[in-house]
Amino acid sequence: QVPLVESGGGLVQAGGSLRLSCVASGFTFSSYDMAWFRQAPGKEREFVVSVSWNADSTDYADSVKGRFTISRDNAKNTVYLQMNNLKPEDTAVYFCAARQRFRRDYKYWGQGTQVTVPS
């Protein structure tokens, strides 16, 4: 059983929007902080945004502040990433990750979903 499954990626023109979803299974979702990371071709994986287990706090990379919004629905074991005003530099594979609250490292990772914004 894959603990995290992302969906919603695709090709979108610059200035457009996409919403990514990540469905969790096999662990107590409501006890985990959730995050999105991304990896562009030839680059290292980078942090995009996170939300705490109780949705009390969020943390955004400077590059996406004001354009991306993370949210979670603990009843549906799902975390979302709303991406607006997309730019070519947002092109990457986006990964969902889960970290048990009060822990440092992310324990579960999804397989990723591709987002492409042509220049």
C-alpha atoms as a PDB file:
ATOM      1  CA  GLN A   1       0.000   0.000   0.000  1.00  0.00           C
ATOM      2  CA  VAL A   2       1.406   3.339  -1.070  1.00  0.00           C
ATOM      3  CA  PRO A   3       1.069   5.753   1.849  1.00  0.00           C
ATOM      4  CA  LEU A   4       0.817   8.926  -0.235  1.00  0.00           C
ATOM      5  CA  VAL A   5      -0.640   9.318  -3.705  1.00  0.00           C
ATOM      6  CA  GLU A   6      -0.498  12.641  -5.518  1.00  0.00           C
ATOM      7  CA  SER A   7      -2.705  13.773  -8.375  1.00  0.00           C
ATOM      8  CA  GLY A   8      -3.644  16.916 -10.242  1.00  0.00           C
ATOM      9  CA  GLY A   9      -0.467  17.683 -12.111  1.00  0.00           C
ATOM     10  CA  GLY A  10      -0.436  18.627 -15.761  1.00  0.00           C
ATOM     11  CA  LEU A  11       0.539  21.180 -18.337  1.00  0.00           C
ATOM     12  CA  VAL A  12      -0.678  24.730 -17.799  1.00  0.00           C
ATOM     13  CA  GLN A  13       0.191  28.037 -19.415  1.00  0.00           C
ATOM     14  CA  ALA A  14       2.029  30.709 -17.480  1.00  0.00           C
ATOM     15  CA  GLY A  15      -0.378  32.608 -15.286  1.00  0.00           C
ATOM     16  CA  GLY A  16      -2.673  29.622 -14.958  1.00  0.00           C
ATOM     17  CA  SER A  17      -3.658  27.536 -11.955  1.00  0.00           C
ATOM     18  CA  LEU A  18      -3.554  23.947 -10.815  1.00  0.00           C
ATOM     19  CA  ARG A  19      -4.650  22.161  -7.674  1.00  0.00           C
ATOM     20  CA  LEU A  20      -2.661  19.184  -6.495  1.00  0.00           C
ATOM     21  CA  SER A  21      -4.095  16.595  -4.140  1.00  0.00           C
ATOM     22  CA  CYS A  22      -2.375  14.033  -1.985  1.00  0.00           C
ATOM     23  CA  VAL A  23      -4.340  11.214  -0.398  1.00  0.00           C
ATOM     24  CA  ALA A  24      -2.823   9.425   2.577  1.00  0.00           C
ATOM     25  CA  SER A  25      -3.442   5.911   3.785  1.00  0.00           C
ATOM     26  CA  GLY A  26      -1.994   3.440   6.245  1.00  0.00           C
ATOM     27  CA  PHE A  27      -1.114   5.927   8.972  1.00  0.00           C
ATOM     28  CA  THR A  28      -2.856   8.390  11.278  1.00  0.00           C
ATOM     29  CA  PHE A  29      -3.003  11.360   8.947  1.00  0.00           C
ATOM     30  CA  SER A  30      -4.241  13.780  11.595  1.00  0.00           C
ATOM     31  CA  SER A  31      -1.053  13.218  13.620  1.00  0.00           C
ATOM     32  CA  TYR A  32       1.268  14.150  10.802  1.00  0.00           C
ATOM     33  CA  ASP A  33       2.572  17.416   9.462  1.00  0.00           C
ATOM     34  CA  MET A  34       2.284  17.471   5.698  1.00  0.00           C
ATOM     35  CA  ALA A  35       4.413  19.152   3.078  1.00  0.00           C
ATOM     36  CA  TRP A  36       4.982  19.593  -0.612  1.00  0.00           C
ATOM     37  CA  PHE A  37       8.418  19.440  -2.154  1.00  0.00           C
ATOM     38  CA  ARG A  38       9.415  19.741  -5.790  1.00  0.00           C
ATOM     39  CA  GLN A  39      12.285  18.725  -7.990  1.00  0.00           C
ATOM     40  CA  ALA A  40      13.039  20.388 -11.294  1.00  0.00           C
ATOM     41  CA  PRO A  41      15.144  18.686 -13.984  1.00  0.00           C
ATOM     42  CA  GLY A  42      18.812  18.738 -13.045  1.00  0.00           C
ATOM     43  CA  LYS A  43      18.134  20.294  -9.654  1.00  0.00           C
ATOM     44  CA  GLU A  44      17.880  19.061  -6.112  1.00  0.00           C
ATOM     45  CA  ARG A  45      14.560  18.548  -4.431  1.00  0.00           C
ATOM     46  CA  GLU A  46      13.401  21.685  -2.656  1.00  0.00           C
ATOM     47  CA  PHE A  47      10.861  22.513   0.016  1.00  0.00           C
ATOM     48  CA  VAL A  48       7.732  24.290  -1.182  1.00  0.00           C
ATOM     49  CA  VAL A  49       5.275  24.472   1.699  1.00  0.00           C
ATOM     50  CA  SER A  50       4.156  22.674   4.841  1.00  0.00           C
ATOM     51  CA  VAL A  51       1.133  22.574   7.115  1.00  0.00           C
ATOM     52  CA  SER A  52       1.070  21.379  10.699  1.00  0.00           C
ATOM     53  CA  TRP A  53      -0.906  18.338  11.794  1.00  0.00           C
ATOM     54  CA  ASN A  54      -3.730  20.517  13.142  1.00  0.00           C
ATOM     55  CA  ALA A  55      -3.518  23.134  10.360  1.00  0.00           C
ATOM     56  CA  ASP A  56      -2.459  25.694  12.940  1.00  0.00           C
ATOM     57  CA  SER A  57       0.617  26.794  11.071  1.00  0.00           C
ATOM     58  CA  THR A  58       2.000  26.877   7.579  1.00  0.00           C
ATOM     59  CA  ASP A  59       5.405  27.608   6.136  1.00  0.00           C
ATOM     60  CA  TYR A  60       6.049  28.702   2.557  1.00  0.00           C
ATOM     61  CA  ALA A  61       9.159  28.983   0.465  1.00  0.00           C
ATOM     62  CA  ASP A  62       9.732  32.581  -0.574  1.00  0.00           C
ATOM     63  CA  SER A  63       9.437  31.625  -4.227  1.00  0.00           C
ATOM     64  CA  VAL A  64       5.792  30.606  -3.861  1.00  0.00           C
ATOM     65  CA  LYS A  65       4.488  32.994  -1.203  1.00  0.00           C
ATOM     66  CA  GLY A  66       1.348  34.758  -2.338  1.00  0.00           C
ATOM     67  CA  ARG A  67       0.795  32.298  -5.193  1.00  0.00           C
ATOM     68  CA  PHE A  68       0.497  28.866  -3.574  1.00  0.00           C
ATOM     69  CA  THR A  69      -1.812  27.800  -0.764  1.00  0.00           C
ATOM     70  CA  ILE A  70      -1.660  24.580   1.207  1.00  0.00           C
ATOM     71  CA  SER A  71      -4.683  23.134   2.970  1.00  0.00           C
ATOM     72  CA  ARG A  72      -5.693  19.853   4.498  1.00  0.00           C
ATOM     73  CA  ASP A  73      -8.851  17.911   5.196  1.00  0.00           C
ATOM     74  CA  ASN A  74      -8.217  15.457   7.999  1.00  0.00           C
ATOM     75  CA  ALA A  75     -11.607  13.855   7.461  1.00  0.00           C
ATOM     76  CA  LYS A  76     -10.546  12.914   3.949  1.00  0.00           C
ATOM     77  CA  ASN A  77      -6.883  12.184   4.737  1.00  0.00           C
ATOM     78  CA  THR A  78      -5.998  14.652   2.024  1.00  0.00           C
ATOM     79  CA  VAL A  79      -3.686  17.610   1.628  1.00  0.00           C
ATOM     80  CA  TYR A  80      -4.039  20.086  -1.213  1.00  0.00           C
ATOM     81  CA  LEU A  81      -1.789  22.543  -2.960  1.00  0.00           C
ATOM     82  CA  GLN A  82      -3.525  25.341  -4.812  1.00  0.00           C
ATOM     83  CA  MET A  83      -1.090  26.905  -7.254  1.00  0.00           C
ATOM     84  CA  ASN A  84      -1.987  30.196  -8.892  1.00  0.00           C
ATOM     85  CA  ASN A  85      -0.122  32.483 -11.251  1.00  0.00           C
ATOM     86  CA  LEU A  86       2.140  29.650 -12.280  1.00  0.00           C
ATOM     87  CA  LYS A  87       5.491  30.457 -13.803  1.00  0.00           C
ATOM     88  CA  PRO A  88       7.863  28.430 -15.992  1.00  0.00           C
ATOM     89  CA  GLU A  89      10.203  28.118 -13.017  1.00  0.00           C
ATOM     90  CA  ASP A  90       7.480  26.190 -11.198  1.00  0.00           C
ATOM     91  CA  THR A  91       7.980  23.324 -13.632  1.00  0.00           C
ATOM     92  CA  ALA A  92       8.927  20.287 -11.553  1.00  0.00           C
ATOM     93  CA  VAL A  93       7.793  16.996 -10.141  1.00  0.00           C
ATOM     94  CA  TYR A  94       5.831  17.757  -6.994  1.00  0.00           C
ATOM     95  CA  PHE A  95       6.034  15.367  -4.063  1.00  0.00           C
ATOM     96  CA  CYS A  96       3.833  15.072  -1.048  1.00  0.00           C
ATOM     97  CA  ALA A  97       5.505  14.163   2.277  1.00  0.00           C
ATOM     98  CA  ALA A  98       4.397  13.334   5.816  1.00  0.00           C
ATOM     99  CA  ARG A  99       6.224  13.925   9.072  1.00  0.00           C
ATOM    100  CA  GLN A 100       4.986  12.740  12.404  1.00  0.00           C
ATOM    101  CA  ARG A 101       4.301  15.736  14.621  1.00  0.00           C
ATOM    102  CA  PHE A 102       7.208  16.855  16.788  1.00  0.00           C
ATOM    103  CA  ARG A 103       9.614  14.908  14.592  1.00  0.00           C
ATOM    104  CA  ARG A 104      12.222  16.332  12.279  1.00  0.00           C
ATOM    105  CA  ASP A 105      12.345  14.028   9.273  1.00  0.00           C
ATOM    106  CA  TYR A 106       9.668  13.252   6.739  1.00  0.00           C
ATOM    107  CA  LYS A 107       8.734   9.603   7.006  1.00  0.00           C
ATOM    108  CA  TYR A 108       6.452   9.039   4.049  1.00  0.00           C
ATOM    109  CA  TRP A 109       6.797  10.265   0.492  1.00  0.00           C
ATOM    110  CA  GLY A 110       4.586  10.078  -2.557  1.00  0.00           C
ATOM    111  CA  GLN A 111       5.746   9.170  -6.026  1.00  0.00           C
ATOM    112  CA  GLY A 112       5.221  12.640  -7.418  1.00  0.00           C
ATOM    113  CA  THR A 113       3.120  14.398 -10.002  1.00  0.00           C
ATOM    114  CA  GLN A 114       4.506  16.409 -12.907  1.00  0.00           C
ATOM    115  CA  VAL A 115       3.698  20.090 -13.289  1.00  0.00           C
ATOM    116  CA  THR A 116       4.808  21.748 -16.515  1.00  0.00           C
ATOM    117  CA  VAL A 117       4.555  25.454 -17.260  1.00  0.00           C
ATOM    118  CA  PRO A 118       5.986  26.187 -20.704  1.00  0.00           C
ATOM    119  CA  SER A 119       8.006  29.335 -21.181  1.00  0.00           C
END
